[in-house]
C-alpha atoms as a PDB file:
ATOM      1  CA  MET A   1      87.733 106.101 148.753  1.00  0.00           C
ATOM      2  CA  PHE A   2      88.062 104.817 152.482  1.00  0.00           C
ATOM      3  CA  LYS A   3      91.942 103.772 151.506  1.00  0.00           C
ATOM      4  CA  ARG A   4      93.239 103.968 155.072  1.00  0.00           C
ATOM      5  CA  ILE A   5      90.995 102.033 157.057  1.00  0.00           C
ATOM      6  CA  LYS A   6      91.096  99.425 154.374  1.00  0.00           C
ATOM      7  CA  GLU A   7      94.850  99.084 154.665  1.00  0.00           C
ATOM      8  CA  ALA A   8      94.737  98.908 158.472  1.00  0.00           C
ATOM      9  CA  PHE A   9      92.309  95.744 158.328  1.00  0.00           C
ATOM     10  CA  LYS A  10      94.386  94.251 155.431  1.00  0.00           C
ATOM     11  CA  LYS A  11      97.631  94.706 157.408  1.00  0.00           C
ATOM     12  CA  PHE A  12      96.052  93.132 160.587  1.00  0.00           C
ATOM     13  CA  ILE A  13      94.543  90.167 158.637  1.00  0.00           C
ATOM     14  CA  GLU A  14      97.914  89.404 156.672  1.00  0.00           C
ATOM     15  CA  SER A  15      99.697  89.624 159.914  1.00  0.00           C
ATOM     16  CA  ALA A  16      97.316  87.850 162.173  1.00  0.00           C
ATOM     17  CA  SER A  17      96.760  84.987 159.516  1.00  0.00           C
ATOM     18  CA  SER A  18     100.145  83.527 160.523  1.00  0.00           C
ATOM     19  CA  ILE A  19     100.080  83.449 164.078  1.00  0.00           C
ATOM     20  CA  ILE A  20      96.354  82.482 164.697  1.00  0.00           C
ATOM     21  CA  PHE A  21      97.261  80.204 167.611  1.00  0.00           C
ATOM     22  CA  SER A  22      99.380  82.489 169.449  1.00  0.00           C
ATOM     23  CA  ARG A  23      96.681  84.515 171.677  1.00  0.00           C
ATOM     24  CA  GLU A  24      99.679  86.825 173.096  1.00  0.00           C
ATOM     25  CA  LYS A  25     100.811  87.855 169.502  1.00  0.00           C
ATOM     26  CA  LEU A  26      97.275  88.080 168.486  1.00  0.00           C
ATOM     27  CA  GLU A  27      96.601  90.444 171.509  1.00  0.00           C
ATOM     28  CA  SER A  28      99.428  92.743 170.468  1.00  0.00           C
ATOM     29  CA  LEU A  29      98.502  92.895 166.759  1.00  0.00           C
ATOM     30  CA  ILE A  30      94.838  93.589 167.781  1.00  0.00           C
ATOM     31  CA  ASP A  31      96.307  96.688 169.970  1.00  0.00           C
ATOM     32  CA  GLU A  32      98.063  97.720 166.845  1.00  0.00           C
ATOM     33  CA  LEU A  33      94.984  97.451 164.886  1.00  0.00           C
ATOM     34  CA  LYS A  34      93.158  99.425 167.315  1.00  0.00           C
ATOM     35  CA  LEU A  35      95.312 102.405 167.031  1.00  0.00           C
ATOM     36  CA  GLU A  36      95.257 102.299 163.123  1.00  0.00           C
ATOM     37  CA  LEU A  37      91.591 102.613 163.280  1.00  0.00           C
ATOM     38  CA  VAL A  38      91.440 105.563 165.551  1.00  0.00           C
ATOM     39  CA  ALA A  39      93.912 107.052 162.801  1.00  0.00           C
ATOM     40  CA  SER A  40      91.375 106.018 160.493  1.00  0.00           C
ATOM     41  CA  ASP A  41      88.779 108.601 161.905  1.00  0.00           C
ATOM     42  CA  VAL A  42      87.204 105.375 163.973  1.00  0.00           C
ATOM     43  CA  ALA A  43      86.073 106.617 167.553  1.00  0.00           C
ATOM     44  CA  TYR A  44      88.139 105.332 170.361  1.00  0.00           C
ATOM     45  CA  GLU A  45      84.967 103.679 171.910  1.00  0.00           C
ATOM     46  CA  VAL A  46      84.281 101.792 168.320  1.00  0.00           C
ATOM     47  CA  ALA A  47      87.892 100.667 168.305  1.00  0.00           C
ATOM     48  CA  GLU A  48      87.797  99.507 171.527  1.00  0.00           C
ATOM     49  CA  GLU A  49      84.528  97.464 170.746  1.00  0.00           C
ATOM     50  CA  ILE A  50      85.964  96.051 167.719  1.00  0.00           C
ATOM     51  CA  SER A  51      89.322  95.062 169.518  1.00  0.00           C
ATOM     52  CA  SER A  52      87.512  93.287 172.331  1.00  0.00           C
ATOM     53  CA  ARG A  53      85.080  91.592 170.194  1.00  0.00           C
ATOM     54  CA  LEU A  54      87.837  90.061 168.226  1.00  0.00           C
ATOM     55  CA  LEU A  55      89.490  89.116 171.580  1.00  0.00           C
ATOM     56  CA  LYS A  56      86.545  87.553 172.334  1.00  0.00           C
ATOM     57  CA  ALA A  57      86.140  85.397 169.260  1.00  0.00           C
ATOM     58  CA  VAL A  58      89.577  84.364 169.980  1.00  0.00           C
ATOM     59  CA  ASP A  59      89.137  83.011 173.399  1.00  0.00           C
ATOM     60  CA  GLU A  60      86.057  81.207 171.975  1.00  0.00           C
ATOM     61  CA  GLY A  61      87.911  79.359 169.500  1.00  0.00           C
ATOM     62  CA  LEU A  62      86.107  80.963 166.478  1.00  0.00           C
ATOM     63  CA  VAL A  63      89.153  82.261 164.799  1.00  0.00           C
ATOM     64  CA  ARG A  64      91.383  79.404 163.105  1.00  0.00           C
ATOM     65  CA  SER A  65      92.030  81.042 159.732  1.00  0.00           C
ATOM     66  CA  ARG A  66      92.401  84.146 157.913  1.00  0.00           C
ATOM     67  CA  GLU A  67      88.711  83.466 156.677  1.00  0.00           C
ATOM     68  CA  ASP A  68      87.681  83.224 160.125  1.00  0.00           C
ATOM     69  CA  LEU A  69      89.040  86.595 160.684  1.00  0.00           C
ATOM     70  CA  GLN A  70      87.587  88.273 157.686  1.00  0.00           C
ATOM     71  CA  ARG A  71      84.160  86.667 158.954  1.00  0.00           C
ATOM     72  CA  VAL A  72      84.417  87.752 162.413  1.00  0.00           C
ATOM     73  CA  LEU A  73      85.390  91.291 161.544  1.00  0.00           C
ATOM     74  CA  LYS A  74      82.577  91.311 158.878  1.00  0.00           C
ATOM     75  CA  ASN A  75      80.046  90.417 161.415  1.00  0.00           C
ATOM     76  CA  ILE A  76      81.308  92.917 164.165  1.00  0.00           C
ATOM     77  CA  LEU A  77      81.161  95.727 161.633  1.00  0.00           C
ATOM     78  CA  ILE A  78      77.630  94.841 160.256  1.00  0.00           C
ATOM     79  CA  GLU A  79      76.167  94.472 163.978  1.00  0.00           C
ATOM     80  CA  VAL A  80      77.280  98.202 164.428  1.00  0.00           C
ATOM     81  CA  PHE A  81      75.085  99.318 161.673  1.00  0.00           C
ATOM     82  CA  GLU A  82      72.168  96.845 162.386  1.00  0.00           C
ATOM     83  CA  LYS A  83      72.154  98.077 165.798  1.00  0.00           C
ATOM     84  CA  ALA A  84      71.706 101.900 164.567  1.00  0.00           C
ATOM     85  CA  GLY A  85      68.946 100.612 162.450  1.00  0.00           C
ATOM     86  CA  SER A  86      68.059 101.686 158.847  1.00  0.00           C
ATOM     87  CA  VAL A  87      65.332 104.072 157.298  1.00  0.00           C
ATOM     88  CA  ASP A  88      63.989 104.636 153.865  1.00  0.00           C
ATOM     89  CA  LEU A  89      63.571 108.583 153.649  1.00  0.00           C
ATOM     90  CA  LEU A  90      61.344 108.104 150.874  1.00  0.00           C
ATOM     91  CA  SER A  91      59.239 105.853 152.855  1.00  0.00           C
ATOM     92  CA  VAL A  92      59.002 108.491 155.634  1.00  0.00           C
ATOM     93  CA  ALA A  93      57.757 111.163 153.426  1.00  0.00           C
ATOM     94  CA  ARG A  94      55.056 108.903 151.891  1.00  0.00           C
ATOM     95  CA  ALA A  95      53.920 108.142 155.060  1.00  0.00           C
ATOM     96  CA  ASN A  96      53.689 111.714 156.640  1.00  0.00           C
ATOM     97  CA  LYS A  97      52.149 114.405 153.978  1.00  0.00           C
ATOM     98  CA  PRO A  98      53.167 117.091 154.262  1.00  0.00           C
ATOM     99  CA  CYS A  99      56.533 115.879 155.461  1.00  0.00           C
ATOM    100  CA  LYS A 100      58.573 118.128 157.511  1.00  0.00           C
ATOM    101  CA  LEU A 101      62.371 117.657 157.503  1.00  0.00           C
ATOM    102  CA  VAL A 102      64.448 119.516 159.515  1.00  0.00           C
ATOM    103  CA  PHE A 103      68.240 119.581 158.388  1.00  0.00           C
ATOM    104  CA  LEU A 104      71.054 120.231 161.045  1.00  0.00           C
ATOM    105  CA  GLY A 105      74.772 120.631 160.519  1.00  0.00           C
ATOM    106  CA  VAL A 106      77.654 123.051 161.287  1.00  0.00           C
ATOM    107  CA  ASN A 107      78.482 125.818 158.387  1.00  0.00           C
ATOM    108  CA  GLY A 108      80.554 124.483 155.605  1.00  0.00           C
ATOM    109  CA  VAL A 109      79.713 121.010 155.632  1.00  0.00           C
ATOM    110  CA  GLY A 110      77.478 121.129 152.329  1.00  0.00           C
ATOM    111  CA  LYS A 111      74.227 121.309 154.204  1.00  0.00           C
ATOM    112  CA  THR A 112      72.459 123.933 151.542  1.00  0.00           C
ATOM    113  CA  THR A 113      73.627 121.695 148.469  1.00  0.00           C
ATOM    114  CA  THR A 114      72.524 118.532 150.226  1.00  0.00           C
ATOM    115  CA  ILE A 115      69.175 120.343 151.040  1.00  0.00           C
ATOM    116  CA  ALA A 116      68.878 120.710 147.310  1.00  0.00           C
ATOM    117  CA  LYS A 117      69.959 117.124 146.296  1.00  0.00           C
ATOM    118  CA  ILE A 118      67.512 115.885 148.419  1.00  0.00           C
ATOM    119  CA  ALA A 119      64.641 118.100 147.246  1.00  0.00           C
ATOM    120  CA  VAL A 120      65.640 116.788 143.680  1.00  0.00           C
ATOM    121  CA  LEU A 121      65.259 113.412 144.888  1.00  0.00           C
ATOM    122  CA  LEU A 122      61.717 113.713 146.431  1.00  0.00           C
ATOM    123  CA  ARG A 123      60.532 115.724 143.088  1.00  0.00           C
ATOM    124  CA  ASP A 124      61.729 112.915 141.220  1.00  0.00           C
ATOM    125  CA  ASN A 125      59.853 110.507 143.113  1.00  0.00           C
ATOM    126  CA  GLY A 126      56.464 112.428 142.547  1.00  0.00           C
ATOM    127  CA  PHE A 127      56.680 114.796 145.658  1.00  0.00           C
ATOM    128  CA  LYS A 128      56.227 118.735 145.506  1.00  0.00           C
ATOM    129  CA  PRO A 129      59.116 119.982 147.639  1.00  0.00           C
ATOM    130  CA  LEU A 130      59.575 123.370 149.068  1.00  0.00           C
ATOM    131  CA  MET A 131      63.125 124.446 150.534  1.00  0.00           C
ATOM    132  CA  VAL A 132      62.777 126.870 153.328  1.00  0.00           C
ATOM    133  CA  ALA A 133      65.594 129.171 154.550  1.00  0.00           C
ATOM    134  CA  ALA A 134      65.452 129.187 158.057  1.00  0.00           C
ATOM    135  CA  ASP A 135      68.768 130.435 158.881  1.00  0.00           C
ATOM    136  CA  THR A 136      68.033 133.836 159.169  1.00  0.00           C
ATOM    137  CA  PHE A 137      71.366 135.162 160.392  1.00  0.00           C
ATOM    138  CA  ARG A 138      74.186 134.029 158.324  1.00  0.00           C
ATOM    139  CA  ALA A 139      74.951 136.372 155.523  1.00  0.00           C
ATOM    140  CA  GLY A 140      74.377 134.491 152.049  1.00  0.00           C
ATOM    141  CA  ALA A 141      72.422 131.672 153.417  1.00  0.00           C
ATOM    142  CA  GLN A 142      69.527 132.527 152.027  1.00  0.00           C
ATOM    143  CA  GLU A 143      71.107 133.227 148.621  1.00  0.00           C
ATOM    144  CA  GLN A 144      72.497 130.000 148.605  1.00  0.00           C
ATOM    145  CA  LEU A 145      69.150 128.254 148.631  1.00  0.00           C
ATOM    146  CA  LYS A 146      67.749 130.851 145.991  1.00  0.00           C
ATOM    147  CA  ILE A 147      70.615 129.804 143.556  1.00  0.00           C
ATOM    148  CA  HIS A 148      69.781 126.309 144.244  1.00  0.00           C
ATOM    149  CA  SER A 149      66.015 127.141 143.401  1.00  0.00           C
ATOM    150  CA  GLU A 150      66.973 128.828 140.369  1.00  0.00           C
ATOM    151  CA  ARG A 151      69.046 125.772 139.141  1.00  0.00           C
ATOM    152  CA  THR A 152      66.690 123.149 139.812  1.00  0.00           C
ATOM    153  CA  GLY A 153      63.400 124.832 139.694  1.00  0.00           C
ATOM    154  CA  ILE A 154      62.168 123.795 143.299  1.00  0.00           C
ATOM    155  CA  PRO A 155      60.776 126.924 145.116  1.00  0.00           C
ATOM    156  CA  VAL A 156      62.476 128.388 148.228  1.00  0.00           C
ATOM    157  CA  PHE A 157      60.490 130.230 151.166  1.00  0.00           C
ATOM    158  CA  THR A 158      62.401 132.923 152.630  1.00  0.00           C
ATOM    159  CA  GLY A 159      62.205 135.415 155.561  1.00  0.00           C
ATOM    160  CA  LYS A 160      63.693 138.501 156.737  1.00  0.00           C
ATOM    161  CA  TYR A 161      67.511 138.397 157.870  1.00  0.00           C
ATOM    162  CA  GLY A 162      67.644 138.534 161.603  1.00  0.00           C
ATOM    163  CA  SER A 163      63.808 137.513 161.942  1.00  0.00           C
ATOM    164  CA  ASP A 164      62.936 134.464 164.230  1.00  0.00           C
ATOM    165  CA  PRO A 165      63.834 131.246 162.524  1.00  0.00           C
ATOM    166  CA  ALA A 166      61.024 129.330 164.132  1.00  0.00           C
ATOM    167  CA  SER A 167      58.927 131.958 162.805  1.00  0.00           C
ATOM    168  CA  VAL A 168      59.846 131.691 159.456  1.00  0.00           C
ATOM    169  CA  ALA A 169      59.467 127.846 159.193  1.00  0.00           C
ATOM    170  CA  PHE A 170      55.955 128.122 161.012  1.00  0.00           C
ATOM    171  CA  ASP A 171      54.921 130.372 158.122  1.00  0.00           C
ATOM    172  CA  ALA A 172      56.505 127.839 155.605  1.00  0.00           C
ATOM    173  CA  ILE A 173      54.164 125.358 157.008  1.00  0.00           C
ATOM    174  CA  GLN A 174      51.213 127.437 156.484  1.00  0.00           C
ATOM    175  CA  PHE A 175      52.344 128.670 153.049  1.00  0.00           C
ATOM    176  CA  ALA A 176      53.024 124.759 152.052  1.00  0.00           C
ATOM    177  CA  SER A 177      49.540 123.653 153.074  1.00  0.00           C
ATOM    178  CA  SER A 178      47.884 126.520 151.491  1.00  0.00           C
ATOM    179  CA  ARG A 179      49.635 125.669 148.239  1.00  0.00           C
ATOM    180  CA  GLY A 180      49.899 122.139 147.985  1.00  0.00           C
ATOM    181  CA  PHE A 181      53.437 121.385 148.890  1.00  0.00           C
ATOM    182  CA  ASP A 182      54.046 117.917 150.441  1.00  0.00           C
ATOM    183  CA  ALA A 183      57.407 118.047 151.532  1.00  0.00           C
ATOM    184  CA  LEU A 184      59.252 120.505 153.443  1.00  0.00           C
ATOM    185  CA  LEU A 185      63.108 120.989 153.707  1.00  0.00           C
ATOM    186  CA  ILE A 186      63.825 123.359 156.393  1.00  0.00           C
ATOM    187  CA  ASP A 187      67.555 124.768 156.562  1.00  0.00           C
ATOM    188  CA  THR A 188      68.901 125.880 160.035  1.00  0.00           C
ATOM    189  CA  ALA A 189      71.823 127.791 161.387  1.00  0.00           C
ATOM    190  CA  GLY A 190      75.222 126.000 161.548  1.00  0.00           C
ATOM    191  CA  ARG A 191      77.163 128.644 163.829  1.00  0.00           C
ATOM    192  CA  MET A 192      80.046 127.204 166.059  1.00  0.00           C
ATOM    193  CA  HIS A 193      78.557 124.152 167.424  1.00  0.00           C
ATOM    194  CA  VAL A 194      79.769 125.319 170.961  1.00  0.00           C
ATOM    195  CA  ASP A 195      77.280 128.243 170.525  1.00  0.00           C
ATOM    196  CA  ILE A 196      74.529 127.959 173.322  1.00  0.00           C
ATOM    197  CA  ASP A 197      72.388 130.525 171.399  1.00  0.00           C
ATOM    198  CA  LEU A 198      72.405 128.032 168.499  1.00  0.00           C
ATOM    199  CA  VAL A 199      71.091 125.365 170.732  1.00  0.00           C
ATOM    200  CA  ASN A 200      67.991 127.258 171.974  1.00  0.00           C
ATOM    201  CA  GLU A 201      67.398 128.470 168.155  1.00  0.00           C
ATOM    202  CA  LEU A 202      67.216 124.671 167.194  1.00  0.00           C
ATOM    203  CA  LYS A 203      65.208 123.593 169.899  1.00  0.00           C
ATOM    204  CA  LYS A 204      62.616 126.322 169.388  1.00  0.00           C
ATOM    205  CA  VAL A 205      62.719 125.374 165.519  1.00  0.00           C
ATOM    206  CA  VAL A 206      62.133 121.757 166.655  1.00  0.00           C
ATOM    207  CA  ARG A 207      59.509 122.686 168.976  1.00  0.00           C
ATOM    208  CA  VAL A 208      57.520 124.741 166.657  1.00  0.00           C
ATOM    209  CA  VAL A 209      57.993 122.474 163.523  1.00  0.00           C
ATOM    210  CA  LYS A 210      57.704 118.982 165.290  1.00  0.00           C
ATOM    211  CA  PRO A 211      59.497 117.724 162.310  1.00  0.00           C
ATOM    212  CA  HIS A 212      58.936 114.011 160.979  1.00  0.00           C
ATOM    213  CA  PHE A 213      62.612 113.547 160.411  1.00  0.00           C
ATOM    214  CA  LYS A 214      65.820 115.429 161.758  1.00  0.00           C
ATOM    215  CA  ILE A 215      68.514 114.968 159.245  1.00  0.00           C
ATOM    216  CA  LEU A 216      72.221 115.872 160.359  1.00  0.00           C
ATOM    217  CA  VAL A 217      74.414 116.803 157.637  1.00  0.00           C
ATOM    218  CA  VAL A 218      78.443 116.294 158.237  1.00  0.00           C
ATOM    219  CA  ASP A 219      81.598 116.384 156.071  1.00  0.00           C
ATOM    220  CA  ALA A 220      83.513 113.315 155.990  1.00  0.00           C
ATOM    221  CA  LEU A 221      86.760 115.435 155.497  1.00  0.00           C
ATOM    222  CA  THR A 222      86.469 116.675 158.856  1.00  0.00           C
ATOM    223  CA  GLY A 223      87.067 113.459 160.375  1.00  0.00           C
ATOM    224  CA  ASN A 224      86.803 113.414 164.414  1.00  0.00           C
ATOM    225  CA  ASP A 225      85.176 116.823 164.108  1.00  0.00           C
ATOM    226  CA  ALA A 226      82.180 115.468 162.371  1.00  0.00           C
ATOM    227  CA  ILE A 227      81.888 112.712 165.172  1.00  0.00           C
ATOM    228  CA  GLU A 228      81.659 115.471 167.820  1.00  0.00           C
ATOM    229  CA  GLN A 229      79.310 117.365 165.880  1.00  0.00           C
ATOM    230  CA  ALA A 230      77.270 114.155 165.776  1.00  0.00           C
ATOM    231  CA  ARG A 231      77.267 113.841 169.631  1.00  0.00           C
ATOM    232  CA  PHE A 232      76.676 117.642 169.961  1.00  0.00           C
ATOM    233  CA  PHE A 233      73.608 117.841 167.700  1.00  0.00           C
ATOM    234  CA  ASN A 234      72.195 114.419 168.978  1.00  0.00           C
ATOM    235  CA  GLU A 235      72.473 115.436 172.437  1.00  0.00           C
ATOM    236  CA  ALA A 236      71.119 119.047 171.685  1.00  0.00           C
ATOM    237  CA  VAL A 237      67.946 118.493 169.683  1.00  0.00           C
ATOM    238  CA  GLY A 238      68.083 114.744 168.547  1.00  0.00           C
ATOM    239  CA  VAL A 239      69.021 113.380 165.210  1.00  0.00           C
ATOM    240  CA  ASP A 240      66.929 110.670 163.332  1.00  0.00           C
ATOM    241  CA  GLY A 241      69.247 110.041 160.538  1.00  0.00           C
ATOM    242  CA  VAL A 242      72.818 111.199 159.081  1.00  0.00           C
ATOM    243  CA  ILE A 243      74.044 112.176 155.620  1.00  0.00           C
ATOM    244  CA  VAL A 244      77.606 112.206 155.204  1.00  0.00           C
ATOM    245  CA  THR A 245      79.055 114.556 152.558  1.00  0.00           C
ATOM    246  CA  LYS A 246      82.433 114.389 150.380  1.00  0.00           C
ATOM    247  CA  VAL A 247      82.713 110.623 150.699  1.00  0.00           C
ATOM    248  CA  ASP A 248      84.235 110.561 147.124  1.00  0.00           C
ATOM    249  CA  ALA A 249      87.042 112.211 148.183  1.00  0.00           C
ATOM    250  CA  TYR A 250      87.607 110.732 151.712  1.00  0.00           C
ATOM    251  CA  GLU A 251      90.448 108.530 152.369  1.00  0.00           C
ATOM    252  CA  GLN A 252      90.297 107.542 156.239  1.00  0.00           C
ATOM    253  CA  GLY A 253      87.043 105.874 155.797  1.00  0.00           C
ATOM    254  CA  GLY A 254      85.980 105.608 159.901  1.00  0.00           C
ATOM    255  CA  VAL A 255      83.352 108.642 159.981  1.00  0.00           C
ATOM    256  CA  PRO A 256      80.064 106.520 158.805  1.00  0.00           C
ATOM    257  CA  LEU A 257      81.056 103.754 161.411  1.00  0.00           C
ATOM    258  CA  SER A 258      81.862 105.940 164.163  1.00  0.00           C
ATOM    259  CA  ILE A 259      78.491 107.753 163.525  1.00  0.00           C
ATOM    260  CA  ALA A 260      76.335 104.750 163.601  1.00  0.00           C
ATOM    261  CA  TYR A 261      77.815 103.535 166.698  1.00  0.00           C
ATOM    262  CA  ILE A 262      78.185 106.843 168.793  1.00  0.00           C
ATOM    263  CA  LEU A 263      74.603 107.831 167.675  1.00  0.00           C
ATOM    264  CA  GLY A 264      72.812 104.708 167.105  1.00  0.00           C
ATOM    265  CA  LYS A 265      71.215 106.140 164.239  1.00  0.00           C
ATOM    266  CA  PRO A 266      71.481 105.210 160.625  1.00  0.00           C
ATOM    267  CA  VAL A 267      73.721 106.858 158.095  1.00  0.00           C
ATOM    268  CA  ILE A 268      70.950 107.341 155.191  1.00  0.00           C
ATOM    269  CA  TYR A 269      72.828 108.786 152.070  1.00  0.00           C
ATOM    270  CA  ALA A 270      76.525 109.443 151.037  1.00  0.00           C
ATOM    271  CA  GLY A 271      77.136 112.543 149.257  1.00  0.00           C
ATOM    272  CA  VAL A 272      79.803 111.681 146.291  1.00  0.00           C
ATOM    273  CA  GLY A 273      79.855 115.138 144.036  1.00  0.00           C
ATOM    274  CA  GLN A 274      78.188 118.373 143.651  1.00  0.00           C
ATOM    275  CA  GLY A 275      75.932 117.160 141.314  1.00  0.00           C
ATOM    276  CA  TYR A 276      72.112 117.131 142.467  1.00  0.00           C
ATOM    277  CA  LYS A 277      71.970 113.650 141.486  1.00  0.00           C
ATOM    278  CA  ASP A 278      75.318 112.821 143.486  1.00  0.00           C
ATOM    279  CA  LEU A 279      73.630 111.310 146.453  1.00  0.00           C
ATOM    280  CA  LYS A 280      73.672 107.716 146.915  1.00  0.00           C
ATOM    281  CA  PRO A 281      71.673 105.794 149.374  1.00  0.00           C
ATOM    282  CA  PHE A 282      74.198 104.380 152.049  1.00  0.00           C
ATOM    283  CA  ASN A 283      74.517 100.610 151.777  1.00  0.00           C
ATOM    284  CA  VAL A 284      76.211  99.027 155.222  1.00  0.00           C
ATOM    285  CA  TYR A 285      77.016  95.696 152.935  1.00  0.00           C
ATOM    286  CA  GLU A 286      78.754  97.871 150.142  1.00  0.00           C
ATOM    287  CA  TYR A 287      80.502  99.781 152.858  1.00  0.00           C
ATOM    288  CA  VAL A 288      81.844  96.902 154.877  1.00  0.00           C
ATOM    289  CA  ASN A 289      82.839  95.108 151.837  1.00  0.00           C
ATOM    290  CA  ARG A 290      84.769  98.078 150.455  1.00  0.00           C
ATOM    291  CA  ILE A 291      86.636  98.512 153.692  1.00  0.00           C
ATOM    292  CA  LEU A 292      87.489  94.818 154.458  1.00  0.00           C
ATOM    293  CA  PRO A 293      90.050  93.140 152.258  1.00  0.00           C
ATOM    294  CA  ASP A 294      88.610  90.467 149.854  1.00  0.00           C
ATOM    295  CA  LEU A 295      89.098  86.828 151.277  1.00  0.00           C
ATOM    296  CA  GLU A 296      90.959  85.726 148.227  1.00  0.00           C
ATOM    297  CA  SER A 297      93.427  88.863 148.022  1.00  0.00           C
END
């Protein structure tokens, strides 16, 4: 997990440690690091920010040892996530009953499985969740949620294929209110993310539902595509938090960092498997410690 970005930082720290007092050589190594980060799915803007902050620290005399390099890099990375903020989804749900969660993301990123995982998480924490199949155009979309419903025992609300997704979502809210559901997890369409019809459809769903939290689901393995998807959905309807799937098989490592920087919104969970319990709260410090080599190594 995150092997490539960790190797990039390790190589830089080991090489830079022997030339700490040569700004020219350090600058050259920092440029190399920038390229390595971009190759590790770190968005160019983020790699540029890290590089410029490193050079600034050098010019201010803050880098005089390997330990200083490690500390400066750690602070830079943590600050990216701190600026993006943090959110406890369970606290959001407790404060807004019935809590309406809208899930965004393109097809194939694991969105429906993630919805089921969050539904199980909510149920395990005392909620009565209802999954809502508001993707009424993609063949099999409702069946996927129905399968998760059968496996988890959590009900799913469906509408007719081809019907207005916003209407399905609205009907689901009325249904939930009359039957005591206190958390709605609303699936939405994920056609090609350049589709203007999709944008209008999502805007209507958001306008009708008035969600308490909009969750974007991205697949870490898609690398830069995940970052572009994040930009798209945030610009189209706004994103409150991100779940990154397939993190357990992800080698490059830069997607969570890039999304936090580009969106200024928190990564809240990481998908680490196909099981309904395979969803971990995203821990910034654990992530940073994993991608930076240990001081003693």
